[in-house]
Protein backbone atom coordinates (compact mmCIF):
# COMPACT_ATOMS: atom_id res chain seq x y z
CA MET A 1 -18.99 277.27 22.34
CA ILE A 2 -17.66 273.80 21.56
CA GLY A 3 -20.35 271.17 21.24
CA ILE A 4 -19.97 267.55 22.27
CA LEU A 5 -20.55 265.06 19.48
CA LYS A 6 -22.53 262.10 20.60
CA VAL A 7 -21.85 258.84 18.72
CA PRO A 8 -24.53 256.20 18.95
CA SER A 9 -23.34 253.22 20.97
CA ILE A 10 -24.22 250.80 18.13
CA ILE A 11 -21.52 252.37 15.91
CA LEU A 12 -18.92 252.01 18.65
CA LEU A 13 -19.92 248.39 19.15
CA ALA A 14 -19.62 247.69 15.40
CA TRP A 15 -16.17 249.32 15.30
CA ALA A 16 -15.02 247.21 18.23
CA LEU A 17 -16.10 244.03 16.39
CA VAL A 18 -14.05 244.76 13.24
CA PRO A 19 -11.20 242.25 13.28
CA THR A 20 -7.78 243.74 13.46
CA VAL A 21 -5.46 242.72 10.66
CA SER A 22 -1.74 242.80 11.04
CA ALA A 23 0.75 242.90 8.17
CA LYS A 24 1.67 239.31 8.98
CA THR A 25 -1.82 238.01 8.19
CA ILE A 26 -2.13 239.70 4.79
CA PRO A 27 -0.64 237.57 2.00
CA GLN A 28 2.18 239.55 0.47
CA LYS A 29 2.08 239.92 -3.32
CA GLN A 30 5.79 239.11 -3.51
CA ASP A 31 5.33 235.81 -1.69
CA LEU A 32 2.43 234.85 -3.96
CA ASN A 33 4.43 235.71 -7.11
CA SER A 34 7.42 233.70 -5.89
CA GLU A 35 5.27 230.69 -5.03
CA ALA A 36 3.54 230.78 -8.41
CA SER A 37 6.89 231.15 -10.19
CA ALA A 38 8.38 228.25 -8.22
CA GLN A 39 5.39 226.08 -9.18
CA GLN A 40 5.85 226.92 -12.86
CA LEU A 41 9.61 226.42 -12.63
CA VAL A 42 9.67 222.96 -10.96
CA GLY A 43 6.11 221.63 -11.00
CA GLU A 44 5.62 218.93 -8.34
CA ASN A 45 9.26 217.78 -8.12
CA SER A 46 11.29 218.85 -11.14
CA ARG A 47 11.11 220.19 -14.66
CA THR A 48 13.59 220.22 -17.51
CA TRP A 49 13.71 223.27 -19.75
CA THR A 50 15.43 223.09 -23.15
CA PHE A 51 17.35 226.08 -24.48
CA ARG A 52 18.75 224.11 -27.41
CA ARG A 53 18.03 220.44 -27.99
CA VAL A 54 21.00 218.28 -27.02
CA GLU A 55 22.29 216.35 -30.03
CA ILE A 56 24.68 213.42 -29.44
CA GLU A 57 26.82 211.92 -32.21
CA MET A 58 25.76 208.41 -33.21
CA SER A 59 29.36 207.16 -33.41
CA GLY A 60 29.42 205.29 -30.09
CA THR A 61 31.28 208.11 -28.36
CA SER A 62 29.67 210.57 -26.00
CA ARG A 63 30.51 213.51 -28.24
CA CYS A 64 27.78 216.09 -28.58
CA ILE A 65 27.05 218.43 -31.45
CA SER A 66 25.03 221.12 -29.66
CA GLY A 67 22.47 221.71 -26.94
CA GLU A 68 21.68 223.00 -23.49
CA THR A 69 19.09 221.97 -20.89
CA TRP A 70 18.37 223.25 -17.38
CA SER A 71 16.63 220.94 -14.88
CA PHE A 72 15.14 222.70 -11.85
CA PHE A 73 14.30 220.65 -8.75
CA ALA A 74 12.01 221.41 -5.80
CA ASN A 75 14.96 221.07 -3.38
CA HIS A 76 16.48 224.17 -5.09
CA ASP A 77 19.06 222.27 -7.14
CA VAL A 78 19.50 223.07 -10.82
CA VAL A 79 21.44 220.84 -13.21
CA ILE A 80 22.69 222.52 -16.38
CA LYS A 81 23.80 220.24 -19.23
CA SER A 82 25.47 221.94 -22.16
CA CYS A 83 27.54 220.92 -25.13
CA GLU A 84 30.93 222.62 -24.89
CA SER A 85 33.79 221.72 -27.25
CA ASN A 86 31.86 218.61 -28.37
CA GLN A 87 31.62 217.32 -24.78
CA LEU A 88 28.48 217.21 -22.66
CA VAL A 89 29.28 219.24 -19.53
CA THR A 90 27.08 218.97 -16.42
CA LYS A 91 27.01 221.70 -13.75
CA SER A 92 25.05 221.49 -10.49
CA LEU A 93 24.07 224.77 -8.82
CA LYS A 94 21.46 226.10 -6.39
CA TRP A 95 18.56 228.37 -7.33
CA SER A 96 16.38 230.81 -5.37
CA LEU A 97 13.59 233.26 -6.20
CA SER A 98 13.04 236.86 -5.15
CA GLN A 99 11.12 239.92 -6.29
CA LYS A 100 12.62 243.07 -7.77
CA GLY A 101 10.08 245.82 -7.48
CA SER A 102 6.42 244.93 -7.69
CA LEU A 103 6.47 243.24 -11.09
CA ASP A 104 9.75 241.42 -11.69
CA THR A 105 10.60 237.94 -10.45
CA VAL A 106 14.30 237.18 -10.23
CA VAL A 107 15.78 233.69 -10.14
CA MET A 108 19.31 233.43 -8.81
CA VAL A 109 21.13 230.49 -10.42
CA GLY A 110 24.42 230.03 -8.62
CA ASP A 111 25.62 233.62 -8.34
CA ILE A 112 23.94 234.89 -11.52
CA PRO A 113 20.58 236.72 -11.26
CA TYR A 114 18.06 236.45 -14.11
CA TYR A 115 14.69 238.09 -14.71
CA LEU A 116 12.23 235.19 -14.97
CA THR A 117 9.12 235.13 -17.15
CA PHE A 118 6.78 232.37 -18.33
CA TRP A 119 4.29 232.15 -21.16
CA ARG A 120 2.28 229.65 -23.16
CA LYS A 121 1.74 229.20 -26.85
CA GLY A 122 -0.85 226.54 -27.55
CA SER A 123 0.04 223.53 -25.40
CA ASP A 124 3.73 224.52 -25.15
CA ARG A 125 5.16 226.29 -22.08
CA PHE A 126 8.09 228.65 -22.32
CA MET A 127 10.47 230.28 -19.86
CA ARG A 128 12.71 233.28 -20.48
CA LEU A 129 15.83 234.00 -18.45
CA ARG A 130 17.32 237.47 -18.96
CA THR A 131 20.44 238.58 -17.11
CA LEU A 132 20.30 241.65 -14.92
CA THR A 133 22.82 244.30 -15.85
CA ASP A 134 24.24 247.14 -13.79
CA THR A 135 25.54 249.23 -16.66
CA LYS A 136 24.46 250.05 -20.19
CA THR A 137 27.74 248.69 -21.55
CA THR A 138 27.23 245.21 -20.07
CA PRO A 139 25.47 243.00 -22.63
CA ARG A 140 22.17 241.47 -21.52
CA VAL A 141 21.85 237.75 -22.25
CA THR A 142 18.39 236.37 -23.01
CA LYS A 143 17.63 232.66 -23.20
CA ASP A 144 14.22 231.28 -24.18
CA PHE A 145 13.49 227.72 -23.02
CA LEU A 146 10.81 225.20 -23.93
CA LEU A 147 9.46 222.91 -21.21
CA GLU A 148 10.21 219.27 -22.00
CA LYS A 149 7.05 217.21 -22.13
CA ALA A 150 6.79 214.07 -20.01
CA GLU A 151 7.19 210.94 -22.08
């Protein structure tokens, strides 16, 4: 014989009072990682990251010796200044962030995706950009940047 299970009404009432949570109300880990990465990347408005310190000749010309800086802005612009053939070249591109898997943050600069990581050493802040590769024969480029300090 099948018995009828009686559930006390207090348990049913408690179950009815549990708030329902939809997927939209739970903060997604990806969104939180992207927001934190964006904050580290641009700060309040912008940040300039130095790959190699830009050195300009002191001869009155605008010839450069070496260097590369990337300035990221909150409006998703990035300005890359690099010394190429002794001339300071400026490129303006757009950037965006996304997640690859549960751990990796990817920054797209123009049409080039990079894995993005940050770390600190003492009072200095660093950023690493590492290109994504589709094949084992494609070389992976890694650039380590130092955050320029406000003067």
